[in-house]
Amino acid sequence: MAKSTNTPKKAEPDFLIGNNGTMVALTPMTAKARKACGDGTVAFEDWQLMGGSIMVDHRMADDLLEHLRDDGFIIAEE
């Protein structure tokens, strides 16, 4: 009889975080995260966009990440 290999599936992160020194890249990975970026839940200026990421000053990133986690978003580091 074959053993069951049901392992819990890891939740997909909503945002990936890349620490680039003075700037932190916040990349939306799920539809939920992209919607939050589009509807103003995650507010940013056009000049903060670099590719598919929102660039945030490292001094403000911790507070932003805390608020995202409080809102139920899953955050993972690259």
N, C-alpha and C. Protein backbone atom coordinates (compact mmCIF):
# COMPACT_ATOMS: atom_id res chain seq x y z
N MET A 1 0.84 -1.17 0.00
CA MET A 1 0.00 0.00 0.00
C MET A 1 0.89 1.24 0.00
N ALA A 2 0.59 2.18 -0.87
CA ALA A 2 1.40 3.39 -1.00
C ALA A 2 1.14 4.34 0.16
N LYS A 3 2.22 4.94 0.62
CA LYS A 3 2.10 5.91 1.71
C LYS A 3 1.59 7.23 1.15
N SER A 4 0.81 7.90 1.94
CA SER A 4 0.33 9.22 1.55
C SER A 4 1.46 10.23 1.75
N THR A 5 1.65 11.07 0.77
CA THR A 5 2.69 12.10 0.87
C THR A 5 2.05 13.48 0.93
N ASN A 6 0.99 13.57 1.68
CA ASN A 6 0.32 14.86 1.83
C ASN A 6 1.13 15.75 2.77
N THR A 7 1.90 16.62 2.17
CA THR A 7 2.64 17.59 2.97
C THR A 7 1.91 18.92 2.87
N PRO A 8 1.87 19.67 3.94
CA PRO A 8 1.18 20.94 3.88
C PRO A 8 1.80 21.84 2.82
N LYS A 9 0.95 22.45 2.02
CA LYS A 9 1.42 23.35 0.97
C LYS A 9 1.78 24.69 1.61
N LYS A 10 2.97 25.19 1.26
CA LYS A 10 3.40 26.49 1.76
C LYS A 10 2.54 27.57 1.11
N ALA A 11 2.14 28.53 1.90
CA ALA A 11 1.37 29.64 1.37
C ALA A 11 2.26 30.47 0.45
N GLU A 12 1.70 30.86 -0.67
CA GLU A 12 2.44 31.69 -1.62
C GLU A 12 2.56 33.10 -1.05
N PRO A 13 3.75 33.67 -1.08
CA PRO A 13 3.89 35.04 -0.56
C PRO A 13 3.17 36.04 -1.46
N ASP A 14 2.55 37.02 -0.82
CA ASP A 14 1.89 38.09 -1.57
C ASP A 14 2.91 39.08 -2.11
N PHE A 15 3.95 39.33 -1.30
CA PHE A 15 5.01 40.26 -1.68
C PHE A 15 6.36 39.61 -1.45
N LEU A 16 7.28 39.84 -2.37
CA LEU A 16 8.68 39.48 -2.17
C LEU A 16 9.44 40.76 -1.85
N ILE A 17 10.36 40.65 -0.90
CA ILE A 17 11.15 41.79 -0.47
C ILE A 17 12.60 41.55 -0.86
N GLY A 18 13.19 42.52 -1.53
CA GLY A 18 14.60 42.47 -1.86
C GLY A 18 15.30 43.65 -1.23
N ASN A 19 16.28 43.38 -0.36
CA ASN A 19 17.01 44.46 0.29
C ASN A 19 18.20 44.83 -0.59
N ASN A 20 18.15 46.04 -1.11
CA ASN A 20 19.20 46.52 -2.01
C ASN A 20 20.03 47.61 -1.37
N GLY A 21 20.26 47.51 -0.07
CA GLY A 21 21.06 48.52 0.63
C GLY A 21 20.18 49.65 1.12
N THR A 22 20.26 50.80 0.47
CA THR A 22 19.47 51.94 0.91
C THR A 22 18.02 51.87 0.45
N MET A 23 17.75 51.01 -0.52
CA MET A 23 16.39 50.84 -1.04
C MET A 23 15.93 49.40 -0.86
N VAL A 24 14.64 49.24 -0.63
CA VAL A 24 14.04 47.93 -0.51
C VAL A 24 13.04 47.78 -1.66
N ALA A 25 13.13 46.67 -2.38
CA ALA A 25 12.21 46.39 -3.48
C ALA A 25 11.04 45.57 -2.95
N LEU A 26 9.84 46.06 -3.17
CA LEU A 26 8.61 45.40 -2.75
C LEU A 26 7.91 44.94 -4.04
N THR A 27 7.89 43.62 -4.28
CA THR A 27 7.36 43.09 -5.52
C THR A 27 6.06 42.33 -5.26
N PRO A 28 4.93 42.81 -5.81
CA PRO A 28 3.67 42.08 -5.64
C PRO A 28 3.70 40.80 -6.46
N MET A 29 3.35 39.68 -5.82
CA MET A 29 3.42 38.37 -6.47
C MET A 29 2.05 37.73 -6.72
N THR A 30 1.03 38.15 -5.99
CA THR A 30 -0.29 37.54 -6.13
C THR A 30 -1.28 38.57 -6.65
N ALA A 31 -2.41 38.07 -7.10
CA ALA A 31 -3.48 38.97 -7.56
C ALA A 31 -3.94 39.88 -6.43
N LYS A 32 -3.98 39.34 -5.21
CA LYS A 32 -4.37 40.13 -4.03
C LYS A 32 -3.40 41.30 -3.83
N ALA A 33 -2.11 41.04 -3.96
CA ALA A 33 -1.10 42.09 -3.77
C ALA A 33 -1.16 43.11 -4.90
N ARG A 34 -1.32 42.64 -6.15
CA ARG A 34 -1.42 43.57 -7.28
C ARG A 34 -2.66 44.45 -7.16
N LYS A 35 -3.76 43.88 -6.68
CA LYS A 35 -4.98 44.67 -6.47
C LYS A 35 -4.74 45.74 -5.41
N ALA A 36 -4.06 45.37 -4.31
CA ALA A 36 -3.77 46.34 -3.25
C ALA A 36 -2.92 47.49 -3.77
N CYS A 37 -2.02 47.19 -4.68
CA CYS A 37 -1.16 48.24 -5.26
C CYS A 37 -1.96 49.11 -6.22
N GLY A 38 -2.95 48.54 -6.86
CA GLY A 38 -3.74 49.29 -7.84
C GLY A 38 -4.86 50.12 -7.23
N ASP A 39 -5.38 49.70 -6.06
CA ASP A 39 -6.52 50.42 -5.48
C ASP A 39 -6.14 51.42 -4.40
N GLY A 40 -4.85 51.59 -4.16
CA GLY A 40 -4.40 52.58 -3.20
C GLY A 40 -4.17 52.04 -1.79
N THR A 41 -4.46 50.75 -1.55
CA THR A 41 -4.17 50.17 -0.24
C THR A 41 -2.68 50.30 0.04
N VAL A 42 -1.87 50.01 -0.96
CA VAL A 42 -0.42 50.25 -0.90
C VAL A 42 -0.17 51.47 -1.77
N ALA A 43 0.02 52.62 -1.12
CA ALA A 43 0.17 53.88 -1.85
C ALA A 43 1.63 54.11 -2.21
N PHE A 44 1.86 54.53 -3.44
CA PHE A 44 3.21 54.83 -3.90
C PHE A 44 3.12 55.82 -5.05
N GLU A 45 4.23 56.43 -5.35
CA GLU A 45 4.33 57.37 -6.46
C GLU A 45 4.87 56.66 -7.69
N ASP A 46 4.55 57.13 -8.87
CA ASP A 46 5.02 56.51 -10.11
C ASP A 46 6.54 56.40 -10.16
N TRP A 47 7.24 57.39 -9.60
CA TRP A 47 8.70 57.39 -9.67
C TRP A 47 9.32 56.28 -8.83
N GLN A 48 8.53 55.65 -7.95
CA GLN A 48 9.05 54.58 -7.11
C GLN A 48 9.08 53.23 -7.85
N LEU A 49 8.47 53.16 -9.02
CA LEU A 49 8.41 51.90 -9.76
C LEU A 49 9.72 51.62 -10.49
N MET A 50 10.18 50.40 -10.35
CA MET A 50 11.36 49.95 -11.08
C MET A 50 11.06 48.52 -11.52
N GLY A 51 10.80 48.37 -12.81
CA GLY A 51 10.36 47.07 -13.30
C GLY A 51 9.01 46.76 -12.68
N GLY A 52 8.87 45.60 -12.08
CA GLY A 52 7.63 45.22 -11.42
C GLY A 52 7.64 45.46 -9.93
N SER A 53 8.63 46.20 -9.44
CA SER A 53 8.77 46.42 -8.00
C SER A 53 8.54 47.87 -7.62
N ILE A 54 8.14 48.05 -6.37
CA ILE A 54 8.01 49.38 -5.79
C ILE A 54 9.23 49.56 -4.89
N MET A 55 9.98 50.61 -5.14
CA MET A 55 11.19 50.88 -4.38
C MET A 55 10.85 51.77 -3.18
N VAL A 56 11.32 51.34 -1.99
CA VAL A 56 11.01 52.04 -0.74
C VAL A 56 12.32 52.30 0.00
N ASP A 57 12.45 53.50 0.56
CA ASP A 57 13.61 53.82 1.38
C ASP A 57 13.68 52.84 2.55
N HIS A 58 14.85 52.32 2.83
CA HIS A 58 15.00 51.29 3.86
C HIS A 58 14.54 51.76 5.23
N ARG A 59 14.59 53.08 5.48
CA ARG A 59 14.17 53.60 6.79
C ARG A 59 12.66 53.52 6.99
N MET A 60 11.91 53.39 5.91
CA MET A 60 10.46 53.32 5.99
C MET A 60 9.92 51.93 5.73
N ALA A 61 10.77 51.04 5.29
CA ALA A 61 10.32 49.71 4.88
C ALA A 61 9.76 48.89 6.04
N ASP A 62 10.37 48.95 7.21
CA ASP A 62 9.90 48.14 8.34
C ASP A 62 8.46 48.47 8.71
N ASP A 63 8.13 49.76 8.77
CA ASP A 63 6.76 50.15 9.10
C ASP A 63 5.78 49.68 8.03
N LEU A 64 6.16 49.84 6.76
CA LEU A 64 5.30 49.40 5.67
C LEU A 64 5.06 47.89 5.74
N LEU A 65 6.12 47.13 5.96
CA LEU A 65 5.99 45.67 6.04
C LEU A 65 5.12 45.26 7.23
N GLU A 66 5.26 45.96 8.35
CA GLU A 66 4.43 45.66 9.52
C GLU A 66 2.95 45.88 9.20
N HIS A 67 2.64 46.98 8.51
CA HIS A 67 1.25 47.26 8.15
C HIS A 67 0.72 46.21 7.15
N LEU A 68 1.55 45.82 6.20
CA LEU A 68 1.12 44.79 5.25
C LEU A 68 0.82 43.48 5.97
N ARG A 69 1.69 43.09 6.89
CA ARG A 69 1.45 41.86 7.66
C ARG A 69 0.18 41.98 8.50
N ASP A 70 -0.03 43.14 9.10
CA ASP A 70 -1.25 43.37 9.90
C ASP A 70 -2.51 43.26 9.03
N ASP A 71 -2.38 43.61 7.76
CA ASP A 71 -3.50 43.51 6.82
C ASP A 71 -3.66 42.11 6.24
N GLY A 72 -2.81 41.17 6.68
CA GLY A 72 -2.97 39.79 6.27
C GLY A 72 -2.14 39.35 5.08
N PHE A 73 -1.24 40.20 4.62
CA PHE A 73 -0.38 39.84 3.50
C PHE A 73 0.77 38.98 3.98
N ILE A 74 1.17 38.04 3.15
CA ILE A 74 2.32 37.17 3.44
C ILE A 74 3.54 37.78 2.75
N ILE A 75 4.59 37.99 3.53
CA ILE A 75 5.82 38.63 3.03
C ILE A 75 6.95 37.61 3.08
N ALA A 76 7.74 37.56 2.01
CA ALA A 76 8.91 36.68 1.98
C ALA A 76 10.09 37.45 1.41
N GLU A 77 11.28 37.11 1.88
CA GLU A 77 12.49 37.73 1.35
C GLU A 77 12.98 36.94 0.15
N GLU A 78 13.54 37.66 -0.82
CA GLU A 78 14.10 37.00 -2.01
C GLU A 78 15.31 36.20 -1.65
